Amino acid sequence: MSEPATLEFISNGISGDEVIFPPGDILSDEPPLESDLHRDQIDLLICILKL
């Protein structure tokens, strides 16, 4: 029978409680998450699900 897989964590000097955030200045040409059309679609979906 084979050995169970183990996870190895590489220590890079950061404590386990510290959160690393990505840079906020990344350029993106994506549309905003919630447009008027998106909000209308969500409202319609909620109304249909309530029927």
Protein backbone atom coordinates (compact mmCIF):
# COMPACT_ATOMS: atom_id res chain seq x y z
CA MET A 1 0.00 0.00 0.00
CA SER A 2 1.35 3.45 -0.83
CA GLU A 3 2.09 6.22 1.66
CA PRO A 4 -0.56 8.94 2.08
CA ALA A 5 0.29 12.23 0.42
CA THR A 6 1.63 14.96 2.66
CA LEU A 7 1.63 18.70 2.12
CA GLU A 8 4.85 20.58 2.50
CA PHE A 9 4.75 24.25 3.38
CA ILE A 10 7.66 26.43 2.36
CA SER A 11 8.52 29.02 4.96
CA ASN A 12 9.16 32.42 3.42
CA GLY A 13 9.43 34.45 6.61
CA ILE A 14 5.71 35.29 6.82
CA SER A 15 3.75 34.28 9.88
CA GLY A 16 0.59 32.20 9.49
CA ASP A 17 -1.62 35.05 10.75
CA GLU A 18 -0.34 37.59 8.23
CA VAL A 19 -2.52 38.25 5.17
CA ILE A 20 -0.84 39.11 1.86
CA PHE A 21 -2.89 41.32 -0.45
CA PRO A 22 -2.17 41.65 -4.18
CA PRO A 23 -1.34 45.09 -5.53
CA GLY A 24 -4.42 47.26 -6.14
CA ASP A 25 -3.05 49.09 -9.17
CA ILE A 26 -3.58 46.26 -11.67
CA LEU A 27 -5.08 47.57 -14.91
CA SER A 28 -8.27 45.93 -16.13
CA ASP A 29 -10.57 46.63 -19.06
CA GLU A 30 -13.40 44.47 -17.69
CA PRO A 31 -16.83 46.03 -17.19
CA PRO A 32 -17.90 46.80 -13.62
CA LEU A 33 -19.32 43.83 -11.77
CA GLU A 34 -22.76 45.31 -11.24
CA SER A 35 -24.14 47.33 -14.13
CA ASP A 36 -27.78 48.41 -14.44
CA LEU A 37 -28.43 45.50 -16.80
CA HIS A 38 -26.81 43.05 -14.38
CA ARG A 39 -28.91 44.39 -11.48
CA ASP A 40 -32.09 44.09 -13.57
CA GLN A 41 -31.20 40.49 -14.43
CA ILE A 42 -30.62 39.65 -10.76
CA ASP A 43 -33.95 41.26 -9.79
CA LEU A 44 -35.76 39.28 -12.52
CA LEU A 45 -34.13 36.04 -11.36
CA ILE A 46 -35.18 36.67 -7.75
CA CYS A 47 -38.76 37.44 -8.81
CA ILE A 48 -38.95 34.26 -10.90
CA LEU A 49 -37.57 32.15 -8.05
CA LYS A 50 -40.21 33.53 -5.68
CA LEU A 51 -43.06 32.28 -7.94
